[in-house]
Protein backbone atom coordinates (compact mmCIF):
# COMPACT_ATOMS: atom_id res chain seq x y z
CA MET A 1 56.34 28.41 -17.15
CA LYS A 2 59.33 26.86 -15.40
CA PHE A 3 62.65 26.16 -17.10
CA GLU A 4 64.95 23.45 -15.75
CA LYS A 5 68.52 23.14 -17.01
CA GLY A 6 69.13 20.07 -19.13
CA ARG A 7 65.45 19.18 -19.42
CA SER A 8 63.36 21.90 -21.03
CA GLU A 9 63.42 23.48 -24.46
CA PHE A 10 62.94 27.18 -24.94
CA PRO A 11 59.17 27.81 -25.15
CA THR A 12 58.69 28.75 -28.79
CA GLY A 13 55.44 26.82 -29.23
CA ALA A 14 53.80 27.50 -32.58
CA ALA A 15 55.03 31.11 -32.65
CA PRO A 16 55.81 31.28 -36.40
CA GLU A 17 52.28 30.18 -37.30
CA LEU A 18 50.74 32.58 -34.80
CA GLU A 19 52.78 35.43 -36.24
CA SER A 20 51.52 34.68 -39.75
CA GLN A 21 47.83 34.67 -38.73
CA LYS A 22 47.61 37.43 -36.14
CA GLU A 23 44.92 40.14 -36.25
CA MET A 24 46.37 43.63 -35.99
CA LEU A 25 45.32 47.04 -34.71
CA PRO A 26 47.32 50.27 -35.12
CA ALA A 27 48.91 52.01 -32.15
CA VAL A 28 51.12 55.08 -31.88
CA GLU A 29 53.68 56.16 -29.33
CA VAL A 30 52.39 58.64 -26.75
CA LYS A 31 54.15 60.75 -24.14
CA ASN A 32 54.93 58.66 -21.08
CA HIS A 33 57.42 57.95 -18.34
CA VAL A 34 58.38 54.72 -16.60
CA VAL A 35 57.46 54.58 -12.90
CA TRP A 36 58.55 51.02 -11.99
CA VAL A 37 60.57 48.14 -13.48
CA ASN A 38 60.64 44.58 -12.14
CA PRO A 39 64.20 44.00 -10.84
CA ASP A 40 63.83 40.19 -10.91
CA LEU A 41 63.53 39.79 -14.69
CA ASP A 42 66.22 39.73 -17.39
CA LEU A 43 64.46 42.05 -19.83
CA PRO A 44 65.04 42.11 -23.60
CA PHE A 45 64.70 45.90 -23.67
CA ASP A 46 66.04 48.85 -21.68
CA LEU A 47 63.63 50.53 -19.28
CA LYS A 48 64.66 53.30 -16.88
CA VAL A 49 62.49 54.81 -14.17
CA GLY A 50 61.63 58.44 -14.87
CA GLU A 51 62.40 58.19 -18.58
CA PRO A 52 60.07 57.67 -21.59
CA THR A 53 59.96 54.36 -23.43
CA LYS A 54 58.94 53.31 -26.92
CA LEU A 55 56.73 50.69 -25.27
CA GLY A 56 54.40 53.55 -24.32
CA VAL A 57 51.80 53.11 -27.06
CA PHE A 58 48.06 53.72 -27.38
CA LEU A 59 45.54 52.34 -29.86
CA SER A 60 44.59 54.67 -32.70
CA GLU A 61 42.12 54.59 -35.55
CA PRO A 62 43.94 53.99 -38.84
CA GLY A 63 44.57 56.58 -41.53
CA ARG A 64 42.82 59.57 -39.96
CA PHE A 65 45.55 61.55 -38.21
CA SER A 66 46.41 64.97 -39.57
CA PHE A 67 50.09 65.52 -40.24
CA LEU A 68 50.47 67.74 -37.17
CA ASN A 69 48.79 65.24 -34.85
CA PHE A 70 50.58 62.33 -36.42
CA LEU A 71 53.95 64.05 -36.04
CA ALA A 72 55.21 62.10 -39.04
CA GLN A 73 55.10 58.94 -36.92
CA LYS A 74 53.95 55.74 -38.55
CA PRO A 75 51.65 53.62 -36.39
CA LYS A 76 52.82 50.27 -35.08
CA ASN A 77 50.59 47.34 -35.90
CA LEU A 78 50.11 45.29 -32.74
CA GLU A 79 48.31 42.00 -32.22
CA ALA A 80 44.85 42.17 -30.67
CA GLU A 81 42.36 39.54 -29.55
CA VAL A 82 38.64 39.88 -28.94
CA HIS A 83 37.66 39.60 -25.26
CA HIS A 84 41.02 40.98 -24.13
CA ASN A 85 39.38 44.40 -23.76
CA ARG A 86 42.19 46.77 -22.75
CA SER A 87 45.29 44.70 -23.51
CA ILE A 88 47.22 44.12 -26.72
CA LEU A 89 50.21 41.92 -27.52
CA LEU A 90 53.50 43.78 -27.92
CA GLY A 91 55.31 40.75 -29.28
CA ARG A 92 56.80 37.31 -28.75
CA VAL A 93 60.36 37.05 -27.45
CA ILE A 94 62.04 34.58 -25.09
CA PHE A 95 63.30 35.99 -21.78
CA ALA A 96 63.42 34.87 -18.17
CA GLU A 97 63.71 35.53 -14.48
CA LYS A 98 67.19 36.27 -13.28
CA GLU A 99 69.11 33.12 -12.42
CA LYS A 100 68.06 31.36 -9.24
CA SER A 101 70.40 29.37 -7.01
CA GLU A 102 68.57 26.08 -7.56
CA GLY A 103 68.98 26.37 -11.35
CA GLU A 104 65.28 26.76 -12.06
CA ARG A 105 63.71 29.92 -13.43
CA GLN A 106 60.51 31.11 -15.07
CA LEU A 107 60.60 31.70 -18.82
CA PHE A 108 58.26 33.88 -20.87
CA ARG A 109 57.37 34.29 -24.53
CA ASP A 110 54.37 36.64 -24.86
CA ILE A 111 54.58 40.28 -23.76
CA ASP A 112 51.39 42.30 -23.58
CA ILE A 113 50.49 45.80 -22.48
CA LYS A 114 47.35 46.64 -20.52
CA GLY A 115 45.72 50.09 -20.45
CA SER A 116 46.60 51.12 -23.99
CA GLY A 117 43.04 51.70 -25.21
CA TYR A 118 39.90 49.66 -25.71
CA VAL A 119 39.78 46.58 -27.97
CA GLU A 120 36.14 46.46 -29.02
CA PRO A 121 34.72 43.25 -30.51
CA VAL A 122 32.69 43.74 -33.71
CA SER A 123 31.07 41.34 -36.17
CA ASP A 124 33.14 40.34 -39.17
CA SER A 125 31.24 41.52 -42.26
CA ASP A 126 32.63 38.60 -44.28
CA HIS A 127 31.83 36.02 -41.59
CA PRO A 128 28.93 37.30 -39.41
CA GLN A 129 29.30 34.41 -36.96
CA ARG A 130 32.82 35.58 -36.14
CA THR A 131 33.97 38.52 -34.03
CA ILE A 132 37.06 40.58 -34.83
CA PRO A 133 38.90 43.23 -32.79
CA SER A 134 38.57 46.95 -33.51
CA VAL A 135 39.60 50.21 -31.84
CA GLY A 136 36.93 51.25 -29.33
CA GLU A 137 36.01 54.61 -27.86
CA ILE A 138 37.61 55.94 -24.67
CA LYS A 139 34.81 56.90 -22.29
CA LEU A 140 33.70 56.58 -18.68
CA LYS A 141 32.04 53.33 -17.70
CA LYS A 142 28.62 53.62 -16.11
CA PRO A 143 28.44 52.23 -12.55
CA ALA A 144 26.80 48.84 -12.37
CA GLN A 145 23.04 48.70 -11.90
CA ASP A 146 20.87 45.64 -11.71
CA PHE A 147 17.58 45.38 -13.58
CA PHE A 148 15.31 46.25 -10.65
CA GLN A 149 17.31 49.35 -9.74
CA ARG A 150 17.03 50.67 -13.29
CA LEU A 151 13.30 49.84 -13.35
CA ARG A 152 12.70 51.77 -10.13
CA GLY A 153 15.01 54.65 -10.98
CA LEU A 154 17.30 53.84 -8.05
CA PRO A 155 21.01 54.73 -7.94
CA PRO A 156 23.77 52.22 -8.81
CA THR A 157 24.75 49.58 -6.27
CA ASN A 158 28.40 50.61 -6.45
CA PRO A 159 28.58 54.29 -7.44
CA GLU A 160 32.17 54.65 -6.27
CA ALA A 161 33.40 52.14 -8.86
CA ILE A 162 35.08 54.54 -11.31
CA ALA A 163 36.61 53.29 -14.56
CA SER A 164 37.03 54.17 -18.23
CA TYR A 165 37.00 51.81 -21.20
CA GLY A 166 40.58 51.05 -22.20
CA ILE A 167 42.16 52.81 -19.21
CA LEU A 168 44.10 51.20 -16.34
CA ASP A 169 44.56 53.04 -13.04
CA LEU A 170 47.91 53.08 -11.21
CA LYS A 171 46.26 51.65 -8.09
CA ASP A 172 45.01 48.60 -10.00
CA ALA A 173 48.36 48.07 -11.72
CA ASN A 174 50.17 48.16 -8.37
CA GLN A 175 47.66 45.70 -6.94
CA ASP A 176 48.09 43.34 -9.88
CA TYR A 177 51.88 43.47 -9.53
CA GLY A 178 51.74 42.82 -5.79
CA PHE A 179 49.43 39.84 -6.10
CA ALA A 180 51.33 38.37 -9.06
CA GLU A 181 54.60 38.41 -7.10
CA ALA A 182 53.01 36.98 -3.94
CA PHE A 183 51.14 34.24 -5.80
CA HIS A 184 54.28 33.33 -7.73
CA GLU A 185 56.00 32.72 -4.39
CA TYR A 186 53.02 30.59 -3.26
CA GLY A 187 53.62 28.30 -6.26
CA ILE A 188 50.64 29.55 -8.29
CA ARG A 189 51.25 29.73 -12.04
CA THR A 190 50.66 33.30 -13.09
CA HIS A 191 51.93 36.15 -15.26
CA ARG A 192 54.65 38.53 -14.08
CA VAL A 193 54.52 42.30 -14.32
CA VAL A 194 57.49 43.67 -16.28
CA ALA A 195 56.98 47.40 -15.77
CA ILE A 196 54.45 50.15 -15.06
CA ILE A 197 54.45 53.19 -17.33
CA GLU A 198 52.51 56.35 -16.53
CA LEU A 199 50.71 57.96 -19.47
CA ASP A 200 51.15 61.69 -20.08
CA GLU A 201 48.69 61.61 -22.99
CA ILE A 202 46.20 59.32 -24.73
CA ILE A 203 44.62 59.06 -28.18
CA SER A 204 40.91 59.90 -28.47
CA ASP A 205 38.86 60.69 -31.57
CA ARG A 206 42.06 60.63 -33.66
CA LYS A 207 43.67 63.33 -31.50
CA ARG A 208 46.40 63.44 -28.91
CA LEU A 209 45.08 64.61 -25.56
CA SER A 210 47.04 65.34 -22.41
CA ILE A 211 45.72 63.48 -19.38
CA ALA A 212 44.51 66.80 -17.95
CA LYS A 213 42.50 67.53 -21.12
CA ALA A 214 41.11 63.99 -21.22
CA LYS A 215 39.88 64.43 -17.65
CA ALA A 216 38.43 67.87 -18.45
CA LYS A 217 36.49 66.32 -21.36
CA GLY A 218 35.05 63.66 -19.05
CA LEU A 219 36.82 60.74 -20.75
CA ILE A 220 38.79 59.81 -17.64
CA ASP A 221 37.70 60.33 -14.05
CA LYS A 222 39.77 62.94 -12.21
CA SER A 223 40.70 60.44 -9.49
CA LEU A 224 42.46 58.06 -11.90
CA THR A 225 46.16 57.96 -12.81
CA PRO A 226 46.27 56.23 -16.23
CA VAL A 227 49.14 53.80 -16.70
CA LEU A 228 50.30 50.99 -18.94
CA GLU A 229 51.11 47.65 -17.35
CA VAL A 230 53.63 45.57 -19.29
CA ARG A 231 53.15 41.88 -18.52
CA ALA A 232 54.93 38.62 -19.35
CA PHE A 233 53.22 35.29 -20.08
CA GLY A 234 53.97 31.89 -21.53
CA THR A 235 50.93 32.24 -23.78
CA HIS A 236 48.67 35.28 -23.68
CA ALA A 237 45.70 33.20 -24.95
CA ARG A 238 42.88 32.42 -22.50
CA LEU A 239 40.33 29.65 -22.13
CA MET A 240 37.74 32.21 -23.22
CA ASP A 241 39.46 32.44 -26.61
CA ILE A 242 38.22 28.87 -27.05
CA THR A 243 34.98 28.81 -25.02
CA SER A 244 33.48 31.94 -26.57
CA GLY A 245 33.19 30.26 -29.97
CA LYS A 246 33.92 33.59 -31.66
CA ASN A 247 37.25 32.63 -33.19
CA SER A 248 37.41 30.66 -36.41
CA LYS A 249 37.97 26.92 -36.19
CA GLU A 250 41.43 27.41 -37.68
CA LYS A 251 42.38 30.05 -35.09
CA THR A 252 41.04 27.91 -32.24
CA GLU A 253 43.04 24.90 -33.40
CA LEU A 254 46.18 27.02 -33.74
CA LEU A 255 45.86 28.45 -30.22
CA LEU A 256 45.46 24.94 -28.82
CA LYS A 257 48.36 23.60 -30.86
CA ASP A 258 50.55 26.43 -29.60
CA ALA A 259 49.61 25.93 -25.94
CA GLN A 260 50.15 22.18 -26.16
CA ALA A 261 53.56 22.72 -27.79
CA LEU A 262 54.58 25.24 -25.10
CA VAL A 263 53.70 22.84 -22.30
CA THR A 264 55.43 19.94 -24.08
CA GLN A 265 58.62 22.00 -24.30
CA GLU A 266 58.30 23.12 -20.70
CA LEU A 267 57.93 19.55 -19.42
CA GLY A 268 60.73 18.29 -21.65
CA VAL A 269 58.72 15.36 -23.01
CA GLU A 270 58.46 13.96 -26.50
CA PRO A 271 55.56 15.52 -28.45
CA SER A 272 54.31 12.05 -29.38
CA GLN A 273 53.94 11.26 -25.67
CA PHE A 274 52.05 14.46 -24.82
CA THR A 275 48.77 14.04 -26.69
CA LYS A 276 45.74 16.30 -26.59
CA LEU A 277 44.37 14.07 -23.82
CA GLU A 278 47.56 14.40 -21.78
CA TYR A 279 47.46 18.16 -22.27
CA ALA A 280 43.80 18.32 -21.13
CA LYS A 281 44.59 16.28 -18.02
CA TRP A 282 47.64 18.41 -17.25
CA LEU A 283 45.70 21.65 -17.70
CA SER A 284 42.85 20.45 -15.47
CA LYS A 285 45.28 19.40 -12.75
CA VAL A 286 47.21 22.70 -12.88
CA ILE A 287 44.06 24.85 -12.77
CA GLY A 288 42.83 22.86 -9.77
CA LYS A 289 46.16 23.34 -7.98
CA ASN A 290 46.31 27.07 -8.73
CA LEU A 291 42.81 27.72 -7.46
CA ALA A 292 43.36 25.59 -4.35
CA LEU A 293 46.52 27.51 -3.43
CA LEU A 294 44.70 30.79 -3.98
CA HIS A 295 41.89 29.73 -1.64
CA LYS A 296 44.31 28.13 0.83
CA HIS A 297 45.88 31.55 1.36
CA GLY A 298 42.45 33.16 1.80
CA TYR A 299 42.00 34.86 -1.59
CA LEU A 300 38.98 34.94 -3.91
CA HIS A 301 39.62 35.88 -7.55
CA GLN A 302 35.97 36.70 -8.37
CA TYR A 303 36.42 36.72 -12.15
CA LEU A 304 37.30 33.23 -13.35
CA GLY A 305 33.91 32.38 -14.87
CA GLN A 306 33.95 31.81 -18.65
CA GLY A 307 37.73 31.38 -18.55
CA HIS A 308 38.61 35.00 -19.23
CA ASN A 309 41.44 35.03 -16.67
CA ILE A 310 42.83 31.51 -17.13
CA THR A 311 45.48 31.08 -19.80
CA LEU A 312 45.84 28.04 -22.03
CA ASP A 313 49.05 27.11 -20.22
CA GLY A 314 47.26 27.06 -16.87
CA CYS A 315 48.00 30.48 -15.38
CA LEU A 316 45.59 32.52 -13.26
CA VAL A 317 45.91 36.18 -14.29
CA ASP A 318 44.42 39.68 -13.83
CA PHE A 319 44.11 40.37 -10.11
CA ASP A 320 42.36 43.74 -9.98
CA SER A 321 39.18 41.91 -8.84
CA MET A 322 40.92 40.06 -6.00
CA LYS A 323 39.31 39.89 -2.56
CA TYR A 324 40.89 38.68 0.68
CA LEU A 325 38.51 36.66 2.84
CA GLY A 326 40.92 34.82 5.10
CA GLU A 327 40.92 31.07 5.53
CA ASN A 328 38.23 30.70 8.19
CA SER A 329 35.86 33.63 7.79
CA PRO A 330 32.08 32.88 7.67
CA GLU A 331 32.01 34.07 4.07
CA SER A 332 35.04 32.16 2.81
CA SER A 333 33.76 28.58 2.71
CA ASP A 334 30.70 29.27 0.56
CA SER A 335 32.56 31.77 -1.64
CA PHE A 336 35.46 29.40 -2.28
CA GLU A 337 33.08 26.54 -3.08
CA SER A 338 31.13 28.74 -5.49
CA GLU A 339 34.29 29.86 -7.28
CA GLN A 340 35.58 26.30 -7.44
CA ASN A 341 32.30 25.18 -9.05
CA ASP A 342 32.28 28.11 -11.50
CA THR A 343 35.83 27.27 -12.56
CA ARG A 344 34.92 23.60 -13.00
CA ILE A 345 31.99 24.55 -15.24
CA THR A 346 34.31 26.77 -17.29
CA LEU A 347 36.71 23.84 -17.66
CA GLU A 348 33.86 21.56 -18.73
CA VAL A 349 32.75 24.05 -21.41
CA PHE A 350 36.34 24.24 -22.61
CA LEU A 351 36.54 20.46 -22.89
CA THR A 352 33.33 20.26 -24.92
CA MET A 353 34.68 22.98 -27.24
CA ILE A 354 37.75 20.86 -27.95
CA ASP A 355 35.56 17.90 -28.86
CA TYR A 356 35.25 15.89 -25.65
CA ASP A 357 31.82 14.35 -25.13
CA ALA A 358 30.43 15.47 -21.77
CA ASN A 359 28.89 12.03 -21.26
CA SER A 360 32.07 10.09 -21.95
CA ASP A 361 34.29 8.41 -19.39
CA ILE A 362 37.32 10.32 -20.71
CA PHE A 363 35.55 13.65 -20.09
CA LYS A 364 34.76 12.62 -16.51
CA GLU A 365 38.33 11.43 -16.01
CA ILE A 366 39.73 14.81 -17.10
CA VAL A 367 37.37 16.74 -14.84
CA GLN A 368 38.27 14.43 -11.95
CA GLU A 369 41.90 15.52 -12.37
CA TYR A 370 40.76 19.05 -11.57
CA LYS A 371 38.66 18.02 -8.55
CA THR A 372 41.38 15.79 -7.08
CA SER A 373 44.08 18.40 -7.57
CA TYR A 374 41.96 21.07 -5.92
CA GLU A 375 41.23 18.94 -2.86
CA GLU A 376 44.84 17.79 -2.46
CA ASN A 377 46.31 21.29 -2.66
CA LYS A 378 43.64 23.04 -0.56
CA ARG A 379 44.70 21.15 2.56
């Protein structure tokens, strides 16, 4: 989010309420060392390349460490969300880009860490219709196979796609950082990468394992370099946190209230003038602009369906699936149109989940904001 002197408030949103209702998972510090720090951000903590950091944490299962493994270290309880898979929220704190000459800078509130273990969604025993986060198992992912390949006993379509649940590779973290910085310069709302931290050990089956031992046990492919990617957002919450229908009504309403408050503060308008309708129109317009600028520069995200990588304050995030097609390649036109339609459908599902009737004129008006913004910014 942008901060303009004399106009915007600091983006606190509904942080106190979020803090009181967050769902927690335990994590412990693991051996690590910092490999890169973003020089363009005024950070609220000290990070030095080549040195360990207390931000180097990994999800653990609660209450099952022996004293020797635990090393007398109490776990940190960190905020987790279903559908966020291998990222957890480190905390909420206001910080910013370093000062720019024009007096405008990007502000952040939510700091997450990606690659710190697997957040597995499980059914809530008290409310079976709901899903809650839990600590998942670290293991190799199976290469993707479609139904007919499995039926015929054929090999995977993409056998070179190596990954482990909960693990982030250095190559993907570097790619995400590079795209985030480039897209930020293009005027696309997105997250910023704070730092990249290389892991020297992980937690698996309630034990500390060096990376070498984890690879020897087949938990991590030998070609991967596991890292943590520390990222900064306005809000970490995604459209999918609403569209999935897995959160409680109270949690859904709180996430929306928070996002609306953040945007209100960013724009410097009176809350009474920025209604839910104004927020929906603004969000639709911003998503349309972001996607248009992405396509204008020849890039296809490939993973925007269902709203997993669109935040509630209109950022496009997570660029490890990015593909460069160029502006005029034979493949680009159809691919961009398909992604634009998929994103529109995601937006429409989001609108129905926040109680807009798909047959109403207001619904159509909001969706038109997205379409118009996309067409205007694609040129």
